[in-house]
Amino acid sequence: MNTVGKVTMKLEGIDSLIALLRQLPTNVAGKLVKPAMQEAGNLLKAQVRMRAYQQLQAAEGRGYKRKKKGPHLYATAATRAKMYRKGETTFVAVGFDYKAGGSHAHLVEFGHRIVHGGTLNGGITAAGARLLRSHGFVKGDYAGPPVLHGRGKGKPRKLRGAWKDTATGKVREGSFFGKFFGGTRIRGGGKVGGMTKAYPILGPAFSQMQRPMMIAIENELKKIEGEAVRLAGNVGQKKHWWN
């Protein structure tokens, strides 16, 4: 999920319910609260989606013509609620889904440099990628050598955006290729020709929806108060087979 920054909100007026939720095991309280956070996240997602669509309309009004196929940025707006126990903090992430095609959201949000004639960060250029494909390389996500340390020890390492040689079956990471391939430049060589205009999306959307989100959370939490009372009454009680 592509998000920009974090903002904290504190609920007031339902102190007794919050205190009740704190008596429950983390996973139980999380399941009760998660729908409320998801509801608030959905409100913000709708506003984010609308602002991204407005940005597209404004760009097309200036004569912008889309070169890349796939979903527009507004179609990748997404939300995900996840529970953590850190004092009075609960998180819901709202932004643009990388996997759905929203990995360029930050470029729209903050603006970016306009590069001509190649790339600046050493990445393989579009022309370079075409050249590699013409020589039998296919770009994709492949399994690499096993992980040596950590939680994934022994499992194949994921090589994202690597290149597979269809002739030999060998997988090469992008760093394997130098600046030139067969005498032709495939990375670097770009020059900055200005900046695109920033179009803030997440910040303004949050400012506009903060109050409606708070109301939605409070209303949804009030719905679970009866269940929270029942579950809190069971905390610490032993369970027997005849119960």
C-alpha atoms as a PDB file:
ATOM      1  CA  MET A   1       0.000   0.000   0.000  1.00  0.00           C
ATOM      2  CA  ASN A   2       1.356   3.357  -0.992  1.00  0.00           C
ATOM      3  CA  THR A   3       0.627   5.862   1.788  1.00  0.00           C
ATOM      4  CA  VAL A   4       2.066   9.266   2.573  1.00  0.00           C
ATOM      5  CA  GLY A   5       2.672  10.076   6.239  1.00  0.00           C
ATOM      6  CA  LYS A   6       0.668   9.183   9.341  1.00  0.00           C
ATOM      7  CA  VAL A   7      -2.001  11.129  11.232  1.00  0.00           C
ATOM      8  CA  THR A   8      -3.301  10.324  14.698  1.00  0.00           C
ATOM      9  CA  MET A   9      -6.907  10.760  15.841  1.00  0.00           C
ATOM     10  CA  LYS A  10      -8.154  10.373  19.422  1.00  0.00           C
ATOM     11  CA  LEU A  11     -11.724   9.356  20.137  1.00  0.00           C
ATOM     12  CA  GLU A  12     -13.565  11.170  22.908  1.00  0.00           C
ATOM     13  CA  GLY A  13     -16.967  10.678  24.496  1.00  0.00           C
ATOM     14  CA  ILE A  14     -16.854   6.883  24.608  1.00  0.00           C
ATOM     15  CA  ASP A  15     -14.280   6.485  27.375  1.00  0.00           C
ATOM     16  CA  SER A  16     -16.206   3.710  29.154  1.00  0.00           C
ATOM     17  CA  LEU A  17     -16.303   1.603  25.991  1.00  0.00           C
ATOM     18  CA  ILE A  18     -12.619   2.163  25.295  1.00  0.00           C
ATOM     19  CA  ALA A  19     -11.788   1.126  28.875  1.00  0.00           C
ATOM     20  CA  LEU A  20     -13.912  -1.977  28.392  1.00  0.00           C
ATOM     21  CA  LEU A  21     -12.082  -2.909  25.197  1.00  0.00           C
ATOM     22  CA  ARG A  22      -8.772  -2.596  27.005  1.00  0.00           C
ATOM     23  CA  GLN A  23      -9.833  -5.361  29.364  1.00  0.00           C
ATOM     24  CA  LEU A  24     -10.161  -7.789  26.485  1.00  0.00           C
ATOM     25  CA  PRO A  25      -7.372  -9.822  24.897  1.00  0.00           C
ATOM     26  CA  THR A  26      -5.726  -7.960  22.031  1.00  0.00           C
ATOM     27  CA  ASN A  27      -7.022 -10.270  19.315  1.00  0.00           C
ATOM     28  CA  VAL A  28     -10.611 -10.106  20.638  1.00  0.00           C
ATOM     29  CA  ALA A  29     -10.636  -6.319  20.944  1.00  0.00           C
ATOM     30  CA  GLY A  30      -9.064  -6.076  17.507  1.00  0.00           C
ATOM     31  CA  LYS A  31     -11.834  -8.110  15.900  1.00  0.00           C
ATOM     32  CA  LEU A  32     -14.485  -5.898  17.515  1.00  0.00           C
ATOM     33  CA  VAL A  33     -12.864  -2.592  16.556  1.00  0.00           C
ATOM     34  CA  LYS A  34     -11.627  -3.521  13.080  1.00  0.00           C
ATOM     35  CA  PRO A  35     -15.003  -3.059  11.289  1.00  0.00           C
ATOM     36  CA  ALA A  36     -15.275   0.478  12.689  1.00  0.00           C
ATOM     37  CA  MET A  37     -11.825   1.361  11.410  1.00  0.00           C
ATOM     38  CA  GLN A  38     -12.584  -0.221   8.059  1.00  0.00           C
ATOM     39  CA  GLU A  39     -15.755   1.865   7.760  1.00  0.00           C
ATOM     40  CA  ALA A  40     -13.784   5.060   8.395  1.00  0.00           C
ATOM     41  CA  GLY A  41     -11.109   3.938   5.966  1.00  0.00           C
ATOM     42  CA  ASN A  42     -13.716   3.362   3.276  1.00  0.00           C
ATOM     43  CA  LEU A  43     -14.956   6.946   3.665  1.00  0.00           C
ATOM     44  CA  LEU A  44     -11.441   8.280   3.200  1.00  0.00           C
ATOM     45  CA  LYS A  45     -10.773   5.914   0.303  1.00  0.00           C
ATOM     46  CA  ALA A  46     -13.799   7.282  -1.563  1.00  0.00           C
ATOM     47  CA  GLN A  47     -12.471  10.843  -1.157  1.00  0.00           C
ATOM     48  CA  VAL A  48      -8.952   9.805  -2.217  1.00  0.00           C
ATOM     49  CA  ARG A  49     -10.377   8.080  -5.273  1.00  0.00           C
ATOM     50  CA  MET A  50     -12.382  11.183  -6.217  1.00  0.00           C
ATOM     51  CA  ARG A  51      -9.389  13.519  -5.900  1.00  0.00           C
ATOM     52  CA  ALA A  52      -7.240  11.182  -7.997  1.00  0.00           C
ATOM     53  CA  TYR A  53      -9.963  11.128 -10.655  1.00  0.00           C
ATOM     54  CA  GLN A  54     -10.139  14.937 -10.593  1.00  0.00           C
ATOM     55  CA  GLN A  55      -6.387  15.030 -11.117  1.00  0.00           C
ATOM     56  CA  LEU A  56      -6.765  12.814 -14.180  1.00  0.00           C
ATOM     57  CA  GLN A  57      -9.530  15.025 -15.586  1.00  0.00           C
ATOM     58  CA  ALA A  58      -7.428  18.148 -15.049  1.00  0.00           C
ATOM     59  CA  ALA A  59      -4.427  16.547 -16.775  1.00  0.00           C
ATOM     60  CA  GLU A  60      -6.522  15.415 -19.731  1.00  0.00           C
ATOM     61  CA  GLY A  61      -7.960  18.934 -19.949  1.00  0.00           C
ATOM     62  CA  ARG A  62      -4.406  20.209 -20.442  1.00  0.00           C
ATOM     63  CA  GLY A  63      -3.870  17.777 -23.311  1.00  0.00           C
ATOM     64  CA  TYR A  64      -2.293  14.895 -21.380  1.00  0.00           C
ATOM     65  CA  LYS A  65      -2.392  11.582 -23.221  1.00  0.00           C
ATOM     66  CA  ARG A  66      -1.728   8.426 -21.290  1.00  0.00           C
ATOM     67  CA  LYS A  67       1.110   6.271 -22.625  1.00  0.00           C
ATOM     68  CA  LYS A  68       0.990   3.329 -20.225  1.00  0.00           C
ATOM     69  CA  LYS A  69      -1.789   0.753 -20.271  1.00  0.00           C
ATOM     70  CA  GLY A  70      -3.454  -0.482 -17.128  1.00  0.00           C
ATOM     71  CA  PRO A  71      -5.716   0.985 -14.430  1.00  0.00           C
ATOM     72  CA  HIS A  72      -5.690   4.726 -13.755  1.00  0.00           C
ATOM     73  CA  LEU A  73      -4.400   5.845 -10.376  1.00  0.00           C
ATOM     74  CA  TYR A  74      -7.885   6.549  -9.009  1.00  0.00           C
ATOM     75  CA  ALA A  75      -8.864   2.908  -9.623  1.00  0.00           C
ATOM     76  CA  THR A  76      -6.087   1.676  -7.296  1.00  0.00           C
ATOM     77  CA  ALA A  77      -7.289   3.539  -4.179  1.00  0.00           C
ATOM     78  CA  ALA A  78      -7.436   1.037  -1.321  1.00  0.00           C
ATOM     79  CA  THR A  79      -7.762   0.707   2.433  1.00  0.00           C
ATOM     80  CA  ARG A  80      -6.652  -1.850   4.996  1.00  0.00           C
ATOM     81  CA  ALA A  81      -7.349  -1.892   8.716  1.00  0.00           C
ATOM     82  CA  LYS A  82      -4.792  -3.546  10.963  1.00  0.00           C
ATOM     83  CA  MET A  83      -4.738  -3.640  14.715  1.00  0.00           C
ATOM     84  CA  TYR A  84      -1.729  -2.840  16.905  1.00  0.00           C
ATOM     85  CA  ARG A  85      -1.629  -2.355  20.630  1.00  0.00           C
ATOM     86  CA  LYS A  86       0.390   0.799  21.212  1.00  0.00           C
ATOM     87  CA  GLY A  87      -1.206   2.880  23.913  1.00  0.00           C
ATOM     88  CA  GLU A  88      -4.307   4.513  22.453  1.00  0.00           C
ATOM     89  CA  THR A  89      -3.342   3.964  18.843  1.00  0.00           C
ATOM     90  CA  THR A  90      -5.118   1.912  16.179  1.00  0.00           C
ATOM     91  CA  PHE A  91      -4.087   2.006  12.522  1.00  0.00           C
ATOM     92  CA  VAL A  92      -5.993   1.980   9.258  1.00  0.00           C
ATOM     93  CA  ALA A  93      -3.979   2.457   6.081  1.00  0.00           C
ATOM     94  CA  VAL A  94      -5.484   4.330   3.142  1.00  0.00           C
ATOM     95  CA  GLY A  95      -3.649   5.013  -0.072  1.00  0.00           C
ATOM     96  CA  PHE A  96      -2.945   3.383  -3.405  1.00  0.00           C
ATOM     97  CA  ASP A  97      -2.292  -0.304  -3.925  1.00  0.00           C
ATOM     98  CA  TYR A  98       1.137  -0.981  -5.454  1.00  0.00           C
ATOM     99  CA  LYS A  99       0.139  -4.358  -6.854  1.00  0.00           C
ATOM    100  CA  ALA A 100      -2.990  -2.896  -8.459  1.00  0.00           C
ATOM    101  CA  GLY A 101      -0.879  -0.336 -10.350  1.00  0.00           C
ATOM    102  CA  GLY A 102      -0.675   2.580  -7.910  1.00  0.00           C
ATOM    103  CA  SER A 103       3.085   2.555  -7.323  1.00  0.00           C
ATOM    104  CA  HIS A 104       3.455   5.999  -8.930  1.00  0.00           C
ATOM    105  CA  ALA A 105       1.071   7.748  -6.496  1.00  0.00           C
ATOM    106  CA  HIS A 106       3.904   9.604  -4.753  1.00  0.00           C
ATOM    107  CA  LEU A 107       5.012  11.056  -8.094  1.00  0.00           C
ATOM    108  CA  VAL A 108       1.582  12.606  -8.543  1.00  0.00           C
ATOM    109  CA  GLU A 109       1.280  13.668  -4.893  1.00  0.00           C
ATOM    110  CA  PHE A 110       4.620  15.514  -4.717  1.00  0.00           C
ATOM    111  CA  GLY A 111       5.511  16.063  -8.357  1.00  0.00           C
ATOM    112  CA  HIS A 112       8.635  14.642  -9.983  1.00  0.00           C
ATOM    113  CA  ARG A 113      11.522  15.527 -12.225  1.00  0.00           C
ATOM    114  CA  ILE A 114      10.986  15.327 -15.979  1.00  0.00           C
ATOM    115  CA  VAL A 115      13.809  13.249 -17.418  1.00  0.00           C
ATOM    116  CA  HIS A 116      14.751  13.125 -21.079  1.00  0.00           C
ATOM    117  CA  GLY A 117      16.994  10.674 -22.898  1.00  0.00           C
ATOM    118  CA  GLY A 118      17.312   7.938 -20.295  1.00  0.00           C
ATOM    119  CA  THR A 119      17.176   7.493 -16.541  1.00  0.00           C
ATOM    120  CA  LEU A 120      18.791   9.290 -13.606  1.00  0.00           C
ATOM    121  CA  ASN A 121      18.850   6.609 -10.922  1.00  0.00           C
ATOM    122  CA  GLY A 122      20.586   3.955 -12.981  1.00  0.00           C
ATOM    123  CA  GLY A 123      17.419   2.048 -13.812  1.00  0.00           C
ATOM    124  CA  ILE A 124      17.028   0.298 -17.135  1.00  0.00           C
ATOM    125  CA  THR A 125      15.357   2.544 -19.719  1.00  0.00           C
ATOM    126  CA  ALA A 126      12.269   1.599 -21.719  1.00  0.00           C
ATOM    127  CA  ALA A 127      14.456   1.257 -24.819  1.00  0.00           C
ATOM    128  CA  GLY A 128      16.883  -0.879 -22.798  1.00  0.00           C
ATOM    129  CA  ALA A 129      14.060  -3.157 -21.686  1.00  0.00           C
ATOM    130  CA  ARG A 130      12.930  -3.581 -25.291  1.00  0.00           C
ATOM    131  CA  LEU A 131      16.485  -4.503 -26.271  1.00  0.00           C
ATOM    132  CA  LEU A 132      16.740  -7.124 -23.523  1.00  0.00           C
ATOM    133  CA  ARG A 133      13.396  -8.634 -24.536  1.00  0.00           C
ATOM    134  CA  SER A 134      14.569  -8.842 -28.148  1.00  0.00           C
ATOM    135  CA  HIS A 135      17.480 -10.975 -26.897  1.00  0.00           C
ATOM    136  CA  GLY A 136      15.211 -13.435 -25.118  1.00  0.00           C
ATOM    137  CA  PHE A 137      15.067 -11.929 -21.620  1.00  0.00           C
ATOM    138  CA  VAL A 138      11.699 -11.822 -19.861  1.00  0.00           C
ATOM    139  CA  LYS A 139      11.122  -9.499 -16.914  1.00  0.00           C
ATOM    140  CA  GLY A 140       9.139 -10.756 -13.917  1.00  0.00           C
ATOM    141  CA  ASP A 141       9.213 -11.946 -10.316  1.00  0.00           C
ATOM    142  CA  TYR A 142      11.259 -15.107  -9.897  1.00  0.00           C
ATOM    143  CA  ALA A 143      12.554 -17.383  -7.142  1.00  0.00           C
ATOM    144  CA  GLY A 144      16.186 -16.811  -6.275  1.00  0.00           C
ATOM    145  CA  PRO A 145      18.693 -18.504  -3.950  1.00  0.00           C
ATOM    146  CA  PRO A 146      17.511 -19.476  -0.446  1.00  0.00           C
ATOM    147  CA  VAL A 147      17.379 -16.902   2.375  1.00  0.00           C
ATOM    148  CA  LEU A 148      20.265 -17.439   4.781  1.00  0.00           C
ATOM    149  CA  HIS A 149      19.007 -15.608   7.861  1.00  0.00           C
ATOM    150  CA  GLY A 150      15.796 -14.423   9.505  1.00  0.00           C
ATOM    151  CA  ARG A 151      12.228 -15.705   9.503  1.00  0.00           C
ATOM    152  CA  GLY A 152      12.378 -16.838   5.894  1.00  0.00           C
ATOM    153  CA  LYS A 153      15.577 -18.827   6.328  1.00  0.00           C
ATOM    154  CA  GLY A 154      15.770 -21.661   3.829  1.00  0.00           C
ATOM    155  CA  LYS A 155      12.987 -20.309   1.629  1.00  0.00           C
ATOM    156  CA  PRO A 156      13.687 -19.032  -1.905  1.00  0.00           C
ATOM    157  CA  ARG A 157      14.399 -15.323  -2.045  1.00  0.00           C
ATOM    158  CA  LYS A 158      11.935 -13.370  -4.169  1.00  0.00           C
ATOM    159  CA  LEU A 159      13.611 -11.538  -7.024  1.00  0.00           C
ATOM    160  CA  ARG A 160      11.192  -8.814  -8.071  1.00  0.00           C
ATOM    161  CA  GLY A 161      11.663  -7.225 -11.459  1.00  0.00           C
ATOM    162  CA  ALA A 162      14.430  -9.652 -12.425  1.00  0.00           C
ATOM    163  CA  TRP A 163      15.197 -10.895 -15.942  1.00  0.00           C
ATOM    164  CA  LYS A 164      15.042 -14.516 -17.048  1.00  0.00           C
ATOM    165  CA  ASP A 165      17.071 -15.732 -20.016  1.00  0.00           C
ATOM    166  CA  THR A 166      14.656 -17.979 -21.904  1.00  0.00           C
ATOM    167  CA  ALA A 167      17.558 -19.721 -23.659  1.00  0.00           C
ATOM    168  CA  THR A 168      19.368 -20.839 -20.489  1.00  0.00           C
ATOM    169  CA  GLY A 169      16.700 -20.449 -17.787  1.00  0.00           C
ATOM    170  CA  LYS A 170      19.075 -18.322 -15.694  1.00  0.00           C
ATOM    171  CA  VAL A 171      17.600 -15.418 -13.736  1.00  0.00           C
ATOM    172  CA  ARG A 172      19.485 -12.130 -13.570  1.00  0.00           C
ATOM    173  CA  GLU A 173      18.710  -9.179 -11.311  1.00  0.00           C
ATOM    174  CA  GLY A 174      18.691  -5.775 -12.956  1.00  0.00           C
ATOM    175  CA  SER A 175      22.019  -4.927 -11.347  1.00  0.00           C
ATOM    176  CA  PHE A 176      23.612  -7.744 -13.385  1.00  0.00           C
ATOM    177  CA  PHE A 177      23.418  -5.630 -16.521  1.00  0.00           C
ATOM    178  CA  GLY A 178      25.792  -2.704 -16.818  1.00  0.00           C
ATOM    179  CA  LYS A 179      25.124   0.610 -18.506  1.00  0.00           C
ATOM    180  CA  PHE A 180      25.551  -0.993 -21.905  1.00  0.00           C
ATOM    181  CA  PHE A 181      24.328  -4.219 -23.454  1.00  0.00           C
ATOM    182  CA  GLY A 182      25.838  -5.266 -26.757  1.00  0.00           C
ATOM    183  CA  GLY A 183      27.302  -1.791 -27.172  1.00  0.00           C
ATOM    184  CA  THR A 184      23.946  -0.040 -26.660  1.00  0.00           C
ATOM    185  CA  ARG A 185      23.191   2.052 -23.575  1.00  0.00           C
ATOM    186  CA  ILE A 186      20.362   0.526 -21.552  1.00  0.00           C
ATOM    187  CA  ARG A 187      20.530   2.571 -18.333  1.00  0.00           C
ATOM    188  CA  GLY A 188      21.395   6.102 -17.238  1.00  0.00           C
ATOM    189  CA  GLY A 189      22.133   8.946 -19.630  1.00  0.00           C
ATOM    190  CA  GLY A 190      19.064  10.976 -18.695  1.00  0.00           C
ATOM    191  CA  LYS A 191      18.863  14.746 -18.188  1.00  0.00           C
ATOM    192  CA  VAL A 192      16.415  16.767 -16.071  1.00  0.00           C
ATOM    193  CA  GLY A 193      14.121  19.035 -18.047  1.00  0.00           C
ATOM    194  CA  GLY A 194      11.956  20.504 -15.291  1.00  0.00           C
ATOM    195  CA  MET A 195       9.398  19.359 -12.711  1.00  0.00           C
ATOM    196  CA  THR A 196       5.800  18.252 -12.930  1.00  0.00           C
ATOM    197  CA  LYS A 197       3.222  20.073 -10.830  1.00  0.00           C
ATOM    198  CA  ALA A 198       2.467  18.452  -7.477  1.00  0.00           C
ATOM    199  CA  TYR A 199      -1.137  17.445  -6.901  1.00  0.00           C
ATOM    200  CA  PRO A 200      -1.707  16.657  -3.189  1.00  0.00           C
ATOM    201  CA  ILE A 201      -4.331  13.944  -2.746  1.00  0.00           C
ATOM    202  CA  LEU A 202      -4.066  12.172   0.612  1.00  0.00           C
ATOM    203  CA  GLY A 203      -3.547  15.235   2.823  1.00  0.00           C
ATOM    204  CA  PRO A 204      -6.508  17.284   1.525  1.00  0.00           C
ATOM    205  CA  ALA A 205      -8.711  14.180   1.464  1.00  0.00           C
ATOM    206  CA  PHE A 206      -7.952  13.463   5.120  1.00  0.00           C
ATOM    207  CA  SER A 207      -8.578  17.071   6.156  1.00  0.00           C
ATOM    208  CA  GLN A 208     -11.976  17.004   4.482  1.00  0.00           C
ATOM    209  CA  MET A 209     -13.015  13.603   5.840  1.00  0.00           C
ATOM    210  CA  GLN A 210     -11.558  13.714   9.365  1.00  0.00           C
ATOM    211  CA  ARG A 211     -14.814  14.685  11.076  1.00  0.00           C
ATOM    212  CA  PRO A 212     -17.036  12.238   9.104  1.00  0.00           C
ATOM    213  CA  MET A 213     -14.511   9.482   9.863  1.00  0.00           C
ATOM    214  CA  MET A 214     -14.632  10.224  13.593  1.00  0.00           C
ATOM    215  CA  ILE A 215     -18.427  10.114  13.569  1.00  0.00           C
ATOM    216  CA  ALA A 216     -18.402   6.837  11.645  1.00  0.00           C
ATOM    217  CA  ILE A 217     -15.969   5.234  14.106  1.00  0.00           C
ATOM    218  CA  GLU A 218     -17.980   6.373  17.137  1.00  0.00           C
ATOM    219  CA  ASN A 219     -21.244   5.108  15.641  1.00  0.00           C
ATOM    220  CA  GLU A 220     -19.768   1.738  14.701  1.00  0.00           C
ATOM    221  CA  LEU A 221     -18.150   1.276  18.127  1.00  0.00           C
ATOM    222  CA  LYS A 222     -21.435   1.945  19.902  1.00  0.00           C
ATOM    223  CA  LYS A 223     -22.909  -1.018  18.024  1.00  0.00           C
ATOM    224  CA  ILE A 224     -20.429  -3.418  19.650  1.00  0.00           C
ATOM    225  CA  GLU A 225     -20.796  -2.150  23.221  1.00  0.00           C
ATOM    226  CA  GLY A 226     -23.169  -4.964  24.242  1.00  0.00           C
ATOM    227  CA  GLU A 227     -20.838  -7.628  22.888  1.00  0.00           C
ATOM    228  CA  ALA A 228     -17.834  -5.976  24.569  1.00  0.00           C
ATOM    229  CA  VAL A 229     -19.663  -6.016  27.925  1.00  0.00           C
ATOM    230  CA  ARG A 230     -20.461  -9.710  27.515  1.00  0.00           C
ATOM    231  CA  LEU A 231     -16.918 -10.652  26.554  1.00  0.00           C
ATOM    232  CA  ALA A 232     -15.374  -8.539  29.335  1.00  0.00           C
ATOM    233  CA  GLY A 233     -17.530 -10.431  31.830  1.00  0.00           C
ATOM    234  CA  ASN A 234     -15.982 -13.690  30.656  1.00  0.00           C
ATOM    235  CA  VAL A 235     -12.385 -12.530  31.058  1.00  0.00           C
ATOM    236  CA  GLY A 236     -10.615 -14.592  33.684  1.00  0.00           C
ATOM    237  CA  GLN A 237     -13.394 -17.159  34.045  1.00  0.00           C
ATOM    238  CA  LYS A 238     -12.431 -20.800  33.710  1.00  0.00           C
ATOM    239  CA  LYS A 239     -14.193 -22.813  31.058  1.00  0.00           C
ATOM    240  CA  HIS A 240     -15.402 -26.346  31.899  1.00  0.00           C
ATOM    241  CA  TRP A 241     -16.748 -28.968  29.590  1.00  0.00           C
ATOM    242  CA  TRP A 242     -20.199 -28.750  31.162  1.00  0.00           C
ATOM    243  CA  ASN A 243     -20.358 -25.015  30.368  1.00  0.00           C
END
